[in-house]
Amino acid sequence: MDELIDGIIAESSMISLNNDSLSRLPDSVIIPNYDRNSLTAGIVHIGVGNFHRAHLAWYLHRLMQNGQAYDWAIIGAGVREHDKIMRNKLLAQDCLTTLIELDPAGGQATEVTGAMIDFLPVEPENQPLIDAMARPEIKIVSLTITEGGYYLDSTTGKLDCGHADILHDAAHPQTPKTAFGAIVAALKLRRERGITPFSCLCCDNLQANGAILRQTVVGLARLSDPELASWIDSQSAFPNSMVDCIVPATGRGELELAQRLGIDDAAPVTHEDFRQWVIEDSFCQGRPDWHLVGAEFSDHVHLHEAQKIRILNGGHQILANVAEVMGVTTISDAISHPLIYGFFHKVLTTEIIPHVTELDNMPVTNYLEVIEKRFANPKIIDTVRRVAFDGSARHAGFILPSIRDGLAKECQIAGLALVEALWSRMCEGHRENGSVIDPNDPIWERLRNTASQARIRPLAWLEMDDIYGDLAKDKRFAPAFEQALHAIYTDGVAPTIQQYLEATD
């Protein structure tokens, strides 16, 4: 009854989020103190998801709160059909976002951010996006399009020039399908018009993400216009960056949380009480002074990237796959599970951390302690399903580098072999209780079919050479993987993990 009454009260007192309603929001909600009508665009951002709105857009908003960066406002963009849904939601509320910070002690802080001022129409040939990026006032084009969106050949790490989307954009550079094709088309227009190129800023979890973005953009341009490719390579900038903030997907709980605060926001964002952004200070047309609001400009981004990708992102995969198979639904519940935590902690401390370079201001063991506390935050309802999504890209980027380091240095790899076996077991498509695991990867059907074969012949999983390369032939890793997967199907997940934890190596 109390919940029903609370719902009635919240519904009757909710305020629809838009420019005109900002002054009527509850006093506890921080709102923009700047005139949004005076903002002008300096950034086009492709991929306006929750992470972007809780990270880059927040740093920029905070600068604006300090009376700065009014000419660096964000124009949102997307290249996929589903981006239209977010566009419609955000335009209906003047591109405002409610950010709700949740700390493990139970407190929360609510802030409405206003650094984004428009969202471009999403069209198949991306003409509105190309036109916007060609405008001279746009100095940065940033992206959050997921780790698997850069058209990399997982064996070579180079641009997959045989991918259908890349072949299309190379043959039809004026009507591209991809974000990168649109970037190339816009840069071509800028070159023809005598306009300096923009900087391309990757905000995805990829090591050397700026270098990867350069490789994709320049490589795609070279397929249709080698002279343009050389101009982009020499005149544009692709700074590397390391981004970090746990931002769950928005579901019913997040919508209801905003409503209980009195805000009718169609796309609110919850996030943890932690942010980190380390950026290489290499921009060809200037950049906002993000360091004044907590970001760090550094010449050692690669070390921060390696620490974060190996421990946080790799740790997420260690937790998520086993938790999914065991029927544990959130990351906080997974790390609170004694057996899963023991597995997570042992693999990280014995098989991943030995290959991570120490940073002066954050020893690796201290960093792991911080990560464990962040994962355990019960207020962040970060689902195992979200974290496990796109494992074909995430395992390749977050786990396999540690495996290769361990093999090269003749270190322990039994735990990492078990991590990969558990991913295979998850992709078989059923939890141990028999319930179905819904498709959760762009190549889910292929993974599910291969996992089914691997149940009988484990090496079938490692023979996906576009993911594993030559690991199926490695004399240490292949037998360790075979043994682990066989034990999972014969003895069960928990006994197999327990056996690993009890092993003295």
Protein backbone atom coordinates (compact mmCIF):
# COMPACT_ATOMS: atom_id res chain seq x y z
CA MET A 1 0.00 0.00 0.00
CA ASP A 2 2.83 2.42 0.90
CA GLU A 3 4.47 1.77 -2.46
CA LEU A 4 1.18 2.47 -4.23
CA ILE A 5 0.76 5.75 -2.33
CA ASP A 6 4.36 6.74 -3.09
CA GLY A 7 3.72 6.03 -6.76
CA ILE A 8 0.57 8.15 -6.81
CA ILE A 9 2.35 11.03 -5.07
CA ALA A 10 5.35 10.80 -7.38
CA GLU A 11 3.18 10.69 -10.50
CA SER A 12 1.11 13.67 -9.42
CA SER A 13 4.15 15.79 -8.57
CA MET A 14 6.45 14.84 -11.44
CA ILE A 15 7.87 17.56 -13.62
CA SER A 16 8.57 16.84 -17.29
CA LEU A 17 12.21 17.58 -17.97
CA ASN A 18 12.87 20.41 -20.43
CA ASN A 19 14.42 23.88 -20.52
CA ASP A 20 11.28 25.59 -19.26
CA SER A 21 10.88 23.28 -16.26
CA LEU A 22 14.42 23.46 -14.87
CA SER A 23 13.61 26.16 -12.33
CA ARG A 24 10.72 24.07 -10.97
CA LEU A 25 12.77 20.97 -10.21
CA PRO A 26 13.34 20.10 -6.52
CA ASP A 27 15.97 22.19 -4.72
CA SER A 28 18.04 19.04 -4.17
CA VAL A 29 18.62 18.72 -7.93
CA ILE A 30 21.60 20.60 -9.33
CA ILE A 31 20.63 22.31 -12.60
CA PRO A 32 22.63 24.18 -15.25
CA ASN A 33 23.56 27.66 -14.03
CA TYR A 34 24.48 28.77 -17.56
CA ASP A 35 22.29 30.07 -20.36
CA ARG A 36 21.90 27.10 -22.66
CA ASN A 37 20.65 29.39 -25.44
CA SER A 38 24.09 31.02 -25.52
CA LEU A 39 25.95 27.75 -26.13
CA THR A 40 27.51 27.01 -29.50
CA ALA A 41 28.69 23.64 -30.74
CA GLY A 42 32.32 22.57 -30.84
CA ILE A 43 31.92 18.78 -30.58
CA VAL A 44 29.96 16.18 -32.51
CA HIS A 45 29.59 12.97 -30.51
CA ILE A 46 28.65 9.71 -32.23
CA GLY A 47 27.01 7.13 -29.97
CA VAL A 48 24.90 8.96 -27.40
CA GLY A 49 24.50 6.23 -24.82
CA ASN A 50 24.47 6.32 -21.05
CA PHE A 51 28.24 6.22 -20.69
CA HIS A 52 28.80 9.29 -22.85
CA ARG A 53 26.18 11.27 -20.94
CA ALA A 54 27.72 10.31 -17.59
CA HIS A 55 31.31 10.91 -18.71
CA LEU A 56 32.48 13.29 -21.47
CA ALA A 57 29.21 15.25 -21.42
CA TRP A 58 29.41 15.54 -17.62
CA TYR A 59 32.99 16.87 -17.66
CA LEU A 60 31.98 19.46 -20.24
CA HIS A 61 28.86 20.39 -18.26
CA ARG A 62 30.99 20.95 -15.17
CA LEU A 63 33.24 23.31 -17.11
CA MET A 64 30.16 25.23 -18.20
CA GLN A 65 29.00 25.38 -14.59
CA ASN A 66 32.32 27.16 -13.94
CA GLY A 67 31.64 29.74 -16.66
CA GLN A 68 33.86 28.13 -19.31
CA ALA A 69 33.67 26.18 -22.58
CA TYR A 70 30.45 27.75 -23.85
CA ASP A 71 31.68 27.26 -27.42
CA TRP A 72 32.28 23.52 -26.92
CA ALA A 73 28.69 22.29 -26.67
CA ILE A 74 27.86 18.82 -28.00
CA ILE A 75 25.78 17.83 -30.99
CA GLY A 76 24.70 14.20 -30.63
CA ALA A 77 24.68 11.75 -33.53
CA GLY A 78 24.14 8.11 -34.36
CA VAL A 79 24.49 5.82 -37.37
CA ARG A 80 22.29 2.88 -36.36
CA GLU A 81 18.54 2.52 -36.58
CA HIS A 82 18.20 2.16 -32.80
CA ASP A 83 19.87 5.57 -32.32
CA LYS A 84 16.61 7.12 -33.50
CA ILE A 85 14.95 6.01 -30.26
CA MET A 86 17.45 7.88 -28.10
CA ARG A 87 17.24 10.89 -30.41
CA ASN A 88 13.48 11.13 -30.01
CA LYS A 89 13.69 10.81 -26.23
CA LEU A 90 16.39 13.45 -25.82
CA LEU A 91 15.00 15.99 -28.28
CA ALA A 92 11.66 15.84 -26.45
CA GLN A 93 13.44 17.05 -23.31
CA ASP A 94 15.76 19.59 -24.98
CA CYS A 95 18.70 17.17 -24.81
CA LEU A 96 18.84 17.42 -21.01
CA THR A 97 19.91 14.41 -18.94
CA THR A 98 19.26 13.55 -15.31
CA LEU A 99 22.38 12.03 -13.75
CA ILE A 100 21.91 10.18 -10.47
CA GLU A 101 25.10 9.31 -8.61
CA LEU A 102 24.74 6.34 -6.27
CA ASP A 103 27.29 5.68 -3.53
CA PRO A 104 27.50 2.42 -1.56
CA ALA A 105 26.65 4.17 1.72
CA GLY A 106 23.16 4.80 0.40
CA GLY A 107 23.44 8.45 -0.56
CA GLN A 108 22.66 9.88 -3.95
CA ALA A 109 23.26 13.16 -5.73
CA THR A 110 21.14 14.30 -8.65
CA GLU A 111 22.25 16.65 -11.38
CA VAL A 112 20.70 17.73 -14.68
CA THR A 113 23.34 18.29 -17.34
CA GLY A 114 22.94 20.55 -20.36
CA ALA A 115 26.14 20.39 -22.42
CA MET A 116 24.38 18.68 -25.32
CA ILE A 117 22.29 21.03 -27.46
CA ASP A 118 21.09 18.99 -30.44
CA PHE A 119 20.81 15.48 -31.85
CA LEU A 120 21.20 15.07 -35.61
CA PRO A 121 18.68 13.15 -37.73
CA VAL A 122 19.73 9.53 -38.17
CA GLU A 123 19.66 8.72 -41.87
CA PRO A 124 20.95 5.68 -43.82
CA GLU A 125 23.53 7.62 -45.85
CA ASN A 126 24.48 9.89 -42.91
CA GLN A 127 24.25 13.19 -44.78
CA PRO A 128 23.17 15.27 -41.73
CA LEU A 129 26.12 13.85 -39.79
CA ILE A 130 28.57 14.55 -42.62
CA ASP A 131 27.30 18.12 -43.02
CA ALA A 132 27.56 18.81 -39.28
CA MET A 133 31.11 17.47 -38.99
CA ALA A 134 32.15 19.56 -42.02
CA ARG A 135 31.17 22.78 -40.26
CA PRO A 136 34.29 24.84 -39.35
CA GLU A 137 33.24 25.39 -35.72
CA ILE A 138 33.37 21.63 -35.04
CA LYS A 139 36.81 20.99 -33.60
CA ILE A 140 36.37 17.52 -32.06
CA VAL A 141 34.45 14.45 -33.17
CA SER A 142 34.19 11.94 -30.32
CA LEU A 143 32.84 8.41 -30.29
CA THR A 144 31.43 5.75 -27.96
CA ILE A 145 30.36 2.94 -30.28
CA THR A 146 31.48 -0.13 -28.22
CA GLU A 147 34.77 -1.98 -28.38
CA GLY A 148 33.64 -4.24 -31.19
CA GLY A 149 32.68 -1.41 -33.54
CA TYR A 150 36.07 -0.56 -35.06
CA TYR A 151 36.17 -3.22 -37.80
CA LEU A 152 39.31 -4.88 -36.53
CA ASP A 153 40.61 -8.19 -37.78
CA SER A 154 41.02 -9.95 -34.44
CA THR A 155 43.95 -12.00 -35.72
CA THR A 156 46.05 -9.13 -37.09
CA GLY A 157 44.60 -6.18 -35.17
CA LYS A 158 44.41 -4.29 -38.47
CA LEU A 159 41.40 -2.89 -40.31
CA ASP A 160 39.22 -5.66 -41.71
CA CYS A 161 39.19 -4.45 -45.31
CA GLY A 162 37.02 -7.37 -46.34
CA HIS A 163 34.09 -6.47 -44.10
CA ALA A 164 30.93 -5.72 -46.06
CA ASP A 165 30.46 -2.30 -44.41
CA ILE A 166 34.04 -1.27 -45.15
CA LEU A 167 33.76 -2.47 -48.75
CA HIS A 168 30.55 -0.46 -49.13
CA ASP A 169 32.05 2.74 -47.76
CA ALA A 170 35.17 2.35 -49.89
CA ALA A 171 33.02 1.95 -53.01
CA HIS A 172 30.50 4.68 -52.02
CA PRO A 173 32.48 7.27 -50.03
CA GLN A 174 29.80 9.97 -50.46
CA THR A 175 27.02 7.76 -49.04
CA PRO A 176 28.66 5.79 -46.24
CA LYS A 177 27.03 3.35 -43.83
CA THR A 178 29.53 3.62 -40.99
CA ALA A 179 30.55 6.35 -38.58
CA PHE A 180 34.07 6.13 -39.98
CA GLY A 181 32.86 6.55 -43.54
CA ALA A 182 30.96 9.64 -42.45
CA ILE A 183 34.09 10.99 -40.74
CA VAL A 184 36.11 10.44 -43.92
CA ALA A 185 33.43 12.15 -46.05
CA ALA A 186 33.32 15.14 -43.69
CA LEU A 187 37.09 15.47 -43.64
CA LYS A 188 37.11 15.40 -47.42
CA LEU A 189 34.68 18.32 -47.49
CA ARG A 190 36.82 20.24 -44.99
CA ARG A 191 39.91 19.68 -47.10
CA GLU A 192 38.13 20.86 -50.25
CA ARG A 193 36.91 23.97 -48.41
CA GLY A 194 40.28 24.79 -46.85
CA ILE A 195 39.09 24.04 -43.29
CA THR A 196 41.45 22.55 -40.71
CA PRO A 197 40.50 18.96 -39.82
CA PHE A 198 38.93 18.13 -36.47
CA SER A 199 40.45 15.91 -33.79
CA CYS A 200 38.97 12.42 -33.48
CA LEU A 201 38.57 11.38 -29.84
CA CYS A 202 37.77 7.75 -29.02
CA CYS A 203 36.02 7.16 -25.69
CA ASP A 204 35.69 3.38 -25.96
CA ASN A 205 37.50 0.79 -23.85
CA LEU A 206 40.27 -0.10 -26.25
CA GLN A 207 43.96 -0.02 -25.47
CA ALA A 208 45.60 2.60 -27.69
CA ASN A 209 42.08 3.65 -28.68
CA GLY A 210 43.26 6.76 -30.48
CA ALA A 211 45.72 4.76 -32.55
CA ILE A 212 42.99 2.25 -33.38
CA LEU A 213 40.63 5.05 -34.42
CA ARG A 214 43.38 6.56 -36.61
CA GLN A 215 43.98 3.16 -38.20
CA THR A 216 40.28 2.72 -39.02
CA VAL A 217 39.68 6.23 -40.36
CA VAL A 218 42.92 6.54 -42.34
CA GLY A 219 42.72 2.93 -43.53
CA LEU A 220 39.18 3.40 -44.81
CA ALA A 221 40.09 6.69 -46.53
CA ARG A 222 43.06 5.02 -48.22
CA LEU A 223 40.77 2.50 -49.91
CA SER A 224 39.06 5.24 -51.94
CA ASP A 225 41.34 8.30 -51.82
CA PRO A 226 45.01 7.78 -50.86
CA GLU A 227 45.80 11.51 -50.99
CA LEU A 228 42.95 12.29 -48.61
CA ALA A 229 44.17 9.51 -46.31
CA SER A 230 47.65 11.04 -46.18
CA TRP A 231 46.17 14.48 -45.41
CA ILE A 232 44.05 13.07 -42.57
CA ASP A 233 47.00 11.13 -41.18
CA SER A 234 49.29 14.14 -41.16
CA GLN A 235 46.85 16.95 -40.27
CA SER A 236 44.21 15.46 -37.98
CA ALA A 237 44.77 14.26 -34.40
CA PHE A 238 43.73 11.04 -32.69
CA PRO A 239 44.57 11.37 -28.98
CA ASN A 240 44.53 8.22 -26.88
CA SER A 241 42.34 8.25 -23.80
CA MET A 242 41.38 6.04 -20.88
CA VAL A 243 37.78 6.32 -19.69
CA ASP A 244 36.26 4.85 -16.56
CA CYS A 245 32.87 5.06 -14.85
CA ILE A 246 30.41 2.23 -14.24
CA VAL A 247 27.13 3.26 -15.85
CA PRO A 248 24.29 0.70 -15.92
CA ALA A 249 21.74 0.55 -18.69
CA THR A 250 18.50 2.43 -18.07
CA GLY A 251 15.56 0.22 -17.20
CA ARG A 252 12.40 0.40 -15.19
CA GLY A 253 14.29 0.87 -11.91
CA GLU A 254 16.21 3.87 -13.19
CA LEU A 255 13.08 5.46 -14.63
CA GLU A 256 11.25 4.97 -11.32
CA LEU A 257 14.18 6.40 -9.37
CA ALA A 258 14.03 9.63 -11.39
CA GLN A 259 10.27 9.73 -10.95
CA ARG A 260 10.59 9.38 -7.16
CA LEU A 261 12.82 12.43 -7.32
CA GLY A 262 10.00 14.26 -9.08
CA ILE A 263 11.56 14.20 -12.56
CA ASP A 264 9.88 12.79 -15.65
CA ASP A 265 12.98 11.93 -17.69
CA ALA A 266 12.61 9.42 -20.51
CA ALA A 267 16.31 8.47 -20.36
CA PRO A 268 17.83 9.10 -16.90
CA VAL A 269 21.30 7.78 -16.12
CA THR A 270 22.56 6.27 -12.88
CA HIS A 271 26.27 5.93 -12.24
CA GLU A 272 28.75 5.10 -9.52
CA ASP A 273 30.50 7.68 -7.33
CA PHE A 274 33.72 7.40 -9.35
CA ARG A 275 35.02 8.81 -12.62
CA GLN A 276 38.40 8.77 -14.30
CA TRP A 277 39.50 10.19 -17.63
CA VAL A 278 43.14 10.25 -18.72
CA ILE A 279 43.76 11.90 -22.08
CA GLU A 280 46.76 12.40 -24.34
CA ASP A 281 47.07 16.16 -24.88
CA SER A 282 47.27 15.93 -28.66
CA PHE A 283 44.53 17.94 -30.38
CA CYS A 284 44.83 19.75 -33.70
CA GLN A 285 42.24 22.48 -33.00
CA GLY A 286 42.40 22.93 -29.26
CA ARG A 287 40.21 21.30 -26.64
CA PRO A 288 38.22 22.15 -23.50
CA ASP A 289 40.17 22.47 -20.24
CA TRP A 290 38.78 19.23 -18.90
CA HIS A 291 41.65 18.96 -16.40
CA LEU A 292 40.07 21.82 -14.43
CA VAL A 293 37.17 19.54 -13.50
CA GLY A 294 39.01 16.33 -12.74
CA ALA A 295 40.30 14.85 -15.99
CA GLU A 296 44.04 14.25 -16.36
CA PHE A 297 46.18 15.02 -19.39
CA SER A 298 49.12 12.62 -19.52
CA ASP A 299 51.88 11.31 -21.76
CA HIS A 300 51.40 7.85 -20.20
CA VAL A 301 47.83 7.06 -21.17
CA HIS A 302 48.89 3.57 -22.28
CA LEU A 303 49.86 2.60 -18.74
CA HIS A 304 46.53 3.77 -17.34
CA GLU A 305 44.75 1.97 -20.18
CA ALA A 306 46.56 -1.29 -19.56
CA GLN A 307 45.84 -1.22 -15.82
CA LYS A 308 42.17 -0.46 -16.32
CA ILE A 309 41.53 -2.79 -19.26
CA ARG A 310 43.33 -5.77 -17.73
CA ILE A 311 41.93 -5.41 -14.20
CA LEU A 312 38.55 -3.66 -14.39
CA ASN A 313 37.36 -4.73 -17.84
CA GLY A 314 39.05 -8.11 -17.63
CA GLY A 315 37.68 -8.55 -14.11
CA HIS A 316 34.18 -7.78 -15.37
CA GLN A 317 34.43 -10.67 -17.85
CA ILE A 318 35.73 -13.04 -15.17
CA LEU A 319 32.70 -12.27 -13.01
CA ALA A 320 30.01 -12.01 -15.66
CA ASN A 321 30.33 -15.31 -17.49
CA VAL A 322 30.42 -17.55 -14.43
CA ALA A 323 27.67 -15.51 -12.77
CA GLU A 324 25.42 -15.88 -15.81
CA VAL A 325 25.86 -19.65 -15.86
CA MET A 326 25.20 -19.86 -12.10
CA GLY A 327 22.11 -17.64 -12.29
CA VAL A 328 23.54 -14.62 -10.45
CA THR A 329 22.08 -11.49 -12.03
CA THR A 330 24.11 -8.45 -10.89
CA ILE A 331 27.80 -7.65 -10.61
CA SER A 332 27.46 -6.65 -6.94
CA ASP A 333 25.85 -10.01 -6.17
CA ALA A 334 28.52 -11.82 -8.19
CA ILE A 335 31.46 -10.30 -6.34
CA SER A 336 29.67 -10.89 -3.03
CA HIS A 337 29.36 -14.61 -3.83
CA PRO A 338 32.26 -16.30 -1.95
CA LEU A 339 33.12 -18.81 -4.67
CA ILE A 340 32.88 -16.34 -7.56
CA TYR A 341 34.86 -13.74 -5.63
CA GLY A 342 37.57 -16.27 -4.78
CA PHE A 343 37.87 -17.16 -8.46
CA PHE A 344 37.93 -13.50 -9.52
CA HIS A 345 40.56 -12.55 -6.93
CA LYS A 346 42.90 -15.47 -7.58
CA VAL A 347 42.90 -15.09 -11.36
CA LEU A 348 43.58 -11.36 -11.10
CA THR A 349 46.30 -11.54 -8.46
CA THR A 350 48.17 -14.54 -9.86
CA GLU A 351 47.62 -14.39 -13.63
CA ILE A 352 46.79 -10.80 -14.63
CA ILE A 353 48.37 -8.35 -12.20
CA PRO A 354 51.92 -9.76 -12.73
CA HIS A 355 51.72 -8.40 -16.30
CA VAL A 356 50.47 -4.90 -15.39
CA THR A 357 52.97 -2.05 -15.01
CA GLU A 358 52.83 -0.16 -11.71
CA LEU A 359 51.75 3.49 -11.78
CA ASP A 360 53.44 5.85 -9.33
CA ASN A 361 50.20 7.24 -7.94
CA MET A 362 48.30 3.93 -7.80
CA PRO A 363 50.00 0.58 -7.04
CA VAL A 364 48.29 -2.27 -8.84
CA THR A 365 47.18 -4.04 -5.66
CA ASN A 366 45.61 -0.81 -4.41
CA TYR A 367 43.87 -0.40 -7.74
CA LEU A 368 42.41 -3.90 -7.42
CA GLU A 369 41.06 -3.01 -3.97
CA VAL A 370 39.36 0.06 -5.42
CA ILE A 371 37.86 -2.03 -8.23
CA GLU A 372 36.53 -4.63 -5.81
CA LYS A 373 34.80 -1.93 -3.75
CA ARG A 374 33.30 -0.39 -6.88
CA PHE A 375 31.99 -3.73 -8.13
CA ALA A 376 30.47 -4.44 -4.71
CA ASN A 377 28.40 -1.22 -4.68
CA PRO A 378 24.86 -2.59 -4.17
CA LYS A 379 23.28 0.67 -5.30
CA ILE A 380 24.63 0.20 -8.83
CA ILE A 381 22.31 -2.34 -10.42
CA ASP A 382 24.78 -3.34 -13.11
CA THR A 383 23.51 -6.52 -14.69
CA VAL A 384 25.66 -9.49 -15.52
CA ARG A 385 23.96 -9.54 -18.91
CA ARG A 386 25.12 -6.00 -19.74
CA VAL A 387 28.70 -6.74 -18.70
CA ALA A 388 28.78 -10.04 -20.62
CA PHE A 389 27.48 -8.46 -23.83
CA ASP A 390 29.73 -8.71 -26.91
CA GLY A 391 32.11 -11.19 -25.32
CA SER A 392 33.63 -11.92 -28.72
CA ALA A 393 35.13 -8.43 -28.67
CA ARG A 394 35.63 -8.09 -24.92
CA HIS A 395 37.46 -11.36 -24.36
CA ALA A 396 39.71 -10.60 -27.32
CA GLY A 397 40.52 -7.15 -25.93
CA PHE A 398 40.43 -7.68 -22.16
CA ILE A 399 41.44 -11.31 -21.44
CA LEU A 400 43.52 -12.70 -24.31
CA PRO A 401 46.38 -10.19 -23.90
CA SER A 402 46.96 -11.51 -20.35
CA ILE A 403 46.90 -15.07 -21.65
CA ARG A 404 49.51 -14.26 -24.27
CA ASP A 405 51.68 -12.48 -21.71
CA GLY A 406 51.44 -15.46 -19.37
CA LEU A 407 52.45 -17.86 -22.11
CA ALA A 408 55.33 -15.68 -23.29
CA LYS A 409 56.68 -15.36 -19.73
CA GLU A 410 55.94 -19.00 -18.83
CA CYS A 411 53.63 -17.91 -16.01
CA GLN A 412 50.41 -19.46 -14.71
CA ILE A 413 47.48 -19.58 -17.14
CA ALA A 414 45.19 -22.27 -15.65
CA GLY A 415 42.76 -19.68 -14.24
CA LEU A 416 42.59 -17.78 -17.51
CA ALA A 417 41.98 -21.04 -19.35
CA LEU A 418 39.06 -21.62 -16.97
CA VAL A 419 37.79 -18.08 -17.68
CA GLU A 420 37.63 -18.90 -21.39
CA ALA A 421 36.03 -22.27 -20.71
CA LEU A 422 33.34 -20.54 -18.65
CA TRP A 423 32.68 -18.12 -21.51
CA SER A 424 32.23 -21.11 -23.82
CA ARG A 425 29.90 -22.70 -21.26
CA MET A 426 27.84 -19.49 -21.10
CA CYS A 427 27.57 -19.33 -24.88
CA GLU A 428 26.14 -22.86 -24.90
CA GLY A 429 22.97 -20.95 -24.06
CA HIS A 430 21.67 -22.51 -20.84
CA ARG A 431 22.33 -21.85 -17.18
CA GLU A 432 23.03 -24.74 -14.86
CA ASN A 433 19.41 -24.59 -13.69
CA GLY A 434 18.30 -25.23 -17.27
CA SER A 435 16.98 -21.73 -18.02
CA VAL A 436 17.79 -20.20 -21.39
CA ILE A 437 20.43 -17.48 -21.78
CA ASP A 438 19.11 -15.05 -24.36
CA PRO A 439 21.35 -14.04 -27.29
CA ASN A 440 23.96 -11.59 -26.04
CA ASP A 441 26.56 -11.11 -28.75
CA PRO A 442 26.54 -9.82 -32.34
CA ILE A 443 27.69 -13.31 -33.41
CA TRP A 444 25.63 -15.22 -30.84
CA GLU A 445 24.40 -17.98 -33.18
CA ARG A 446 27.93 -18.79 -34.25
CA LEU A 447 29.14 -18.80 -30.65
CA ARG A 448 26.23 -20.97 -29.53
CA ASN A 449 26.81 -23.51 -32.31
CA THR A 450 30.54 -23.63 -31.61
CA ALA A 451 29.97 -23.98 -27.86
CA SER A 452 27.67 -26.92 -28.56
CA GLN A 453 30.43 -28.58 -30.57
CA ALA A 454 32.98 -27.76 -27.85
CA ARG A 455 30.93 -29.69 -25.31
CA ILE A 456 32.06 -32.83 -27.15
CA ARG A 457 35.36 -31.52 -28.56
CA PRO A 458 36.65 -28.56 -26.52
CA LEU A 459 39.22 -27.47 -29.08
CA ALA A 460 36.40 -26.49 -31.42
CA TRP A 461 36.02 -23.34 -29.30
CA LEU A 462 39.67 -22.31 -29.60
CA GLU A 463 39.60 -22.99 -33.33
CA MET A 464 37.67 -19.75 -33.83
CA ASP A 465 40.94 -18.33 -35.06
CA ASP A 466 39.50 -14.88 -35.76
CA ILE A 467 39.17 -14.60 -31.96
CA TYR A 468 41.92 -16.88 -30.62
CA GLY A 469 44.50 -16.79 -33.38
CA ASP A 470 46.93 -19.66 -32.86
CA LEU A 471 46.02 -20.43 -29.23
CA ALA A 472 44.36 -23.70 -30.28
CA LYS A 473 47.86 -24.93 -31.16
CA ASP A 474 49.58 -23.73 -27.99
CA LYS A 475 50.99 -26.68 -26.08
CA ARG A 476 50.22 -25.15 -22.67
CA PHE A 477 46.99 -23.25 -23.17
CA ALA A 478 45.04 -25.70 -25.34
CA PRO A 479 45.32 -28.65 -22.90
CA ALA A 480 44.51 -26.37 -19.94
CA PHE A 481 41.38 -25.14 -21.72
CA GLU A 482 40.33 -28.67 -22.71
CA GLN A 483 40.71 -29.87 -19.14
CA ALA A 484 38.76 -26.91 -17.73
CA LEU A 485 35.83 -27.22 -20.14
CA HIS A 486 35.65 -30.97 -19.69
CA ALA A 487 35.54 -30.52 -15.89
CA ILE A 488 32.78 -27.90 -16.14
CA TYR A 489 30.52 -30.27 -18.08
CA THR A 490 31.48 -33.36 -16.07
CA ASP A 491 31.63 -32.02 -12.50
CA GLY A 492 29.77 -28.70 -12.68
CA VAL A 493 30.87 -25.07 -12.42
CA ALA A 494 31.22 -24.76 -8.64
CA PRO A 495 33.31 -27.94 -8.11
CA THR A 496 35.57 -26.97 -11.03
CA ILE A 497 36.18 -23.51 -9.58
CA GLN A 498 36.72 -24.98 -6.12
CA GLN A 499 39.33 -27.35 -7.52
CA TYR A 500 41.12 -24.41 -9.14
CA LEU A 501 41.05 -22.44 -5.88
CA GLU A 502 42.53 -25.38 -3.95
CA ALA A 503 45.30 -26.04 -6.48
CA THR A 504 48.75 -24.97 -5.35
CA ASP A 505 50.28 -24.71 -8.86
